[in-house]
Structure formats: structure tokens, C-alpha cells
C-alpha atoms as a PDB file:
ATOM      1  CA  MET A   1     -41.711  29.581  19.069  1.00  0.00           C
ATOM      2  CA  ASP A   2     -41.591  31.857  22.412  1.00  0.00           C
ATOM      3  CA  VAL A   3     -42.549  35.237  21.099  1.00  0.00           C
ATOM      4  CA  THR A   4     -41.753  38.859  21.812  1.00  0.00           C
ATOM      5  CA  ILE A   5     -44.864  41.390  22.423  1.00  0.00           C
ATOM      6  CA  ARG A   6     -42.966  43.672  20.404  1.00  0.00           C
ATOM      7  CA  GLU A   7     -43.027  41.364  17.493  1.00  0.00           C
ATOM      8  CA  ALA A   8     -46.431  39.821  18.068  1.00  0.00           C
ATOM      9  CA  GLN A   9     -46.970  43.711  16.990  1.00  0.00           C
ATOM     10  CA  GLN A  10     -45.681  43.234  14.104  1.00  0.00           C
ATOM     11  CA  GLN A  11     -46.789  39.541  13.565  1.00  0.00           C
ATOM     12  CA  VAL A  12     -50.014  40.760  13.274  1.00  0.00           C
ATOM     13  CA  ASP A  13     -49.742  43.457  11.918  1.00  0.00           C
ATOM     14  CA  GLU A  14     -48.338  41.458   8.563  1.00  0.00           C
ATOM     15  CA  TRP A  15     -51.085  39.310   9.138  1.00  0.00           C
ATOM     16  CA  ILE A  16     -53.816  42.255   8.666  1.00  0.00           C
ATOM     17  CA  LYS A  17     -51.534  43.353   5.692  1.00  0.00           C
ATOM     18  CA  THR A  18     -51.199  39.886   3.576  1.00  0.00           C
ATOM     19  CA  ILE A  19     -54.178  38.018   4.521  1.00  0.00           C
ATOM     20  CA  GLY A  20     -56.105  39.901   6.406  1.00  0.00           C
ATOM     21  CA  VAL A  21     -57.143  42.666   3.616  1.00  0.00           C
ATOM     22  CA  ARG A  22     -57.164  45.938   6.255  1.00  0.00           C
ATOM     23  CA  TYR A  23     -57.382  46.407   9.724  1.00  0.00           C
ATOM     24  CA  TYR A  24     -61.033  47.610  11.260  1.00  0.00           C
ATOM     25  CA  SER A  25     -61.955  51.082  12.414  1.00  0.00           C
ATOM     26  CA  GLU A  26     -60.796  51.299  15.188  1.00  0.00           C
ATOM     27  CA  LEU A  27     -64.462  51.669  17.367  1.00  0.00           C
ATOM     28  CA  THR A  28     -65.465  47.990  15.171  1.00  0.00           C
ATOM     29  CA  ASN A  29     -61.312  46.511  16.596  1.00  0.00           C
ATOM     30  CA  LEU A  30     -62.972  48.389  20.168  1.00  0.00           C
ATOM     31  CA  GLY A  31     -66.367  46.660  20.045  1.00  0.00           C
ATOM     32  CA  ILE A  32     -64.878  43.559  18.980  1.00  0.00           C
ATOM     33  CA  LEU A  33     -62.670  43.799  22.228  1.00  0.00           C
ATOM     34  CA  MET A  34     -65.657  44.030  24.233  1.00  0.00           C
ATOM     35  CA  GLU A  35     -66.708  40.763  22.699  1.00  0.00           C
ATOM     36  CA  GLU A  36     -64.157  39.126  22.526  1.00  0.00           C
ATOM     37  CA  THR A  37     -63.554  39.959  26.504  1.00  0.00           C
ATOM     38  CA  GLY A  38     -67.085  38.741  27.012  1.00  0.00           C
ATOM     39  CA  GLU A  39     -66.246  35.479  25.532  1.00  0.00           C
ATOM     40  CA  LEU A  40     -63.598  34.713  27.965  1.00  0.00           C
ATOM     41  CA  ALA A  41     -65.562  35.911  31.251  1.00  0.00           C
ATOM     42  CA  ARG A  42     -68.405  33.111  29.280  1.00  0.00           C
ATOM     43  CA  ILE A  43     -65.651  30.290  30.894  1.00  0.00           C
ATOM     44  CA  MET A  44     -64.259  32.061  33.009  1.00  0.00           C
ATOM     45  CA  VAL A  45     -67.457  32.226  35.518  1.00  0.00           C
ATOM     46  CA  ARG A  46     -67.890  29.146  34.716  1.00  0.00           C
ATOM     47  CA  LYS A  47     -65.243  27.672  35.228  1.00  0.00           C
ATOM     48  CA  TYR A  48     -63.535  29.160  37.707  1.00  0.00           C
ATOM     49  CA  GLY A  49     -67.596  30.338  39.434  1.00  0.00           C
ATOM     50  CA  GLU A  50     -71.033  29.156  40.500  1.00  0.00           C
ATOM     51  CA  GLN A  51     -72.522  29.693  36.605  1.00  0.00           C
ATOM     52  CA  SER A  52     -72.859  25.553  35.287  1.00  0.00           C
ATOM     53  CA  PHE A  53     -71.988  25.096  31.593  1.00  0.00           C
ATOM     54  CA  LYS A  54     -74.574  24.740  28.497  1.00  0.00           C
ATOM     55  CA  GLU A  55     -73.705  23.007  26.136  1.00  0.00           C
ATOM     56  CA  SER A  56     -73.179  25.672  23.988  1.00  0.00           C
ATOM     57  CA  ASP A  57     -69.894  26.829  25.868  1.00  0.00           C
ATOM     58  CA  LYS A  58     -68.149  23.360  26.103  1.00  0.00           C
ATOM     59  CA  LYS A  59     -67.110  24.307  22.570  1.00  0.00           C
ATOM     60  CA  GLY A  60     -64.887  26.948  23.963  1.00  0.00           C
ATOM     61  CA  GLU A  61     -61.811  27.213  25.656  1.00  0.00           C
ATOM     62  CA  LEU A  62     -59.703  29.105  27.473  1.00  0.00           C
ATOM     63  CA  ALA A  63     -56.526  29.467  26.539  1.00  0.00           C
ATOM     64  CA  ASP A  64     -57.845  30.508  22.640  1.00  0.00           C
ATOM     65  CA  GLU A  65     -60.343  32.968  23.977  1.00  0.00           C
ATOM     66  CA  MET A  66     -57.335  34.804  25.932  1.00  0.00           C
ATOM     67  CA  ALA A  67     -55.693  34.436  23.012  1.00  0.00           C
ATOM     68  CA  ASP A  68     -58.586  36.144  20.785  1.00  0.00           C
ATOM     69  CA  VAL A  69     -58.232  38.877  22.661  1.00  0.00           C
ATOM     70  CA  LEU A  70     -54.863  39.966  23.079  1.00  0.00           C
ATOM     71  CA  TRP A  71     -55.181  39.504  18.803  1.00  0.00           C
ATOM     72  CA  VAL A  72     -57.582  42.477  19.072  1.00  0.00           C
ATOM     73  CA  LEU A  73     -55.444  44.171  21.750  1.00  0.00           C
ATOM     74  CA  LEU A  74     -52.674  44.322  19.247  1.00  0.00           C
ATOM     75  CA  CYS A  75     -55.256  45.428  16.529  1.00  0.00           C
ATOM     76  CA  LEU A  76     -55.772  48.082  18.623  1.00  0.00           C
ATOM     77  CA  ALA A  77     -52.317  48.407  20.038  1.00  0.00           C
ATOM     78  CA  ASN A  78     -51.365  49.157  16.274  1.00  0.00           C
ATOM     79  CA  GLN A  79     -53.918  51.011  14.638  1.00  0.00           C
ATOM     80  CA  THR A  80     -53.072  54.042  17.021  1.00  0.00           C
ATOM     81  CA  GLY A  81     -49.031  53.636  17.150  1.00  0.00           C
ATOM     82  CA  VAL A  82     -48.959  52.675  20.277  1.00  0.00           C
ATOM     83  CA  ASP A  83     -45.973  49.795  21.111  1.00  0.00           C
ATOM     84  CA  LEU A  84     -47.135  48.088  23.749  1.00  0.00           C
ATOM     85  CA  THR A  85     -44.371  46.350  25.345  1.00  0.00           C
ATOM     86  CA  GLU A  86     -42.351  50.469  26.155  1.00  0.00           C
ATOM     87  CA  ALA A  87     -46.379  50.515  27.748  1.00  0.00           C
ATOM     88  CA  LEU A  88     -46.002  47.564  29.916  1.00  0.00           C
ATOM     89  CA  GLN A  89     -42.749  48.263  30.965  1.00  0.00           C
ATOM     90  CA  LYS A  90     -43.656  51.596  32.474  1.00  0.00           C
ATOM     91  CA  ASN A  91     -47.085  50.721  34.203  1.00  0.00           C
ATOM     92  CA  VAL A  92     -44.868  48.246  36.092  1.00  0.00           C
ATOM     93  CA  GLU A  93     -43.279  50.938  36.666  1.00  0.00           C
ATOM     94  CA  LYS A  94     -46.132  52.774  38.165  1.00  0.00           C
ATOM     95  CA  LYS A  95     -47.477  50.391  39.532  1.00  0.00           C
ATOM     96  CA  THR A  96     -44.829  49.047  41.373  1.00  0.00           C
ATOM     97  CA  ASN A  97     -43.847  52.567  42.605  1.00  0.00           C
ATOM     98  CA  ARG A  98     -47.604  52.951  43.218  1.00  0.00           C
ATOM     99  CA  ASP A  99     -47.200  50.194  45.184  1.00  0.00           C
ATOM    100  CA  ALA A 100     -44.835  49.455  46.527  1.00  0.00           C
ATOM    101  CA  GLU A 101     -45.641  47.840  49.746  1.00  0.00           C
ATOM    102  CA  ARG A 102     -50.020  48.812  49.395  1.00  0.00           C
ATOM    103  CA  HIS A 103     -50.655  44.973  49.293  1.00  0.00           C
ATOM    104  CA  LYS A 104     -48.175  44.029  52.191  1.00  0.00           C
ATOM    105  CA  GLY A 105     -50.473  45.603  54.202  1.00  0.00           C
ATOM    106  CA  ASN A 106     -53.654  43.950  53.064  1.00  0.00           C
ATOM    107  CA  ASP A 107     -55.592  41.490  55.207  1.00  0.00           C
ATOM    108  CA  LYS A 108     -57.856  40.218  52.613  1.00  0.00           C
ATOM    109  CA  LEU A 109     -54.422  38.803  50.962  1.00  0.00           C
ATOM    110  CA  LYS A 110     -53.079  37.218  52.734  1.00  0.00           C
END
């Protein structure tokens, strides 16, 4: 099932209102976002970095942690009235205009 970003925002909103009862406060969700980002980072540095896995790390799944980060980001967007589809499109335009030639000349990327 393919879902657009806008549809994902709507799905999360519907879930929160029917199953989740209500949104946590924006600040609570910001804290949760940081927590989930930390869990994602923990897996990334062990899988792709030099750190070794601890037994307690082995149960974490990369895709699930990424989805947790996305979920909370969608919650925050809904709570603050941000249309992430529109925001992402504007962000791509900004980066394209700003960085059109910048990265091509970066020897570190070759």
C-alpha cells in the first residue's frame, strides 16, 4: 500500500483521535522524537559504525525505529498545522536553488 505524506498525516491523525485518545502535548512529542531518534542512532552506529552490538540492542529493527521517528514527526506536523508535503516540496526547491553546483565541485564526494 503506497501512502503519500499527506495521507500519512491523515492516517496518524485518525489513529490518534480514535485509538490514541488525544495527542500528547507538542513538547512531550518533541521529547519523544528525540528519544526515538536516539534509538535510531543507536542501531545505526552499531550496524554501520564501529560500535559493537550489545545483547539488548539486537532486538531493535532499523525500519521500525525509522517508522517511529516518522510517526512522531507526523504527529508534530499535525499539531502545529504543518503540511509536510508542501514543506518538503519547498525544501527541495530551496536546496536545489542553493546547491545546484555546490556538491559537484566537492572533492570529498568523489
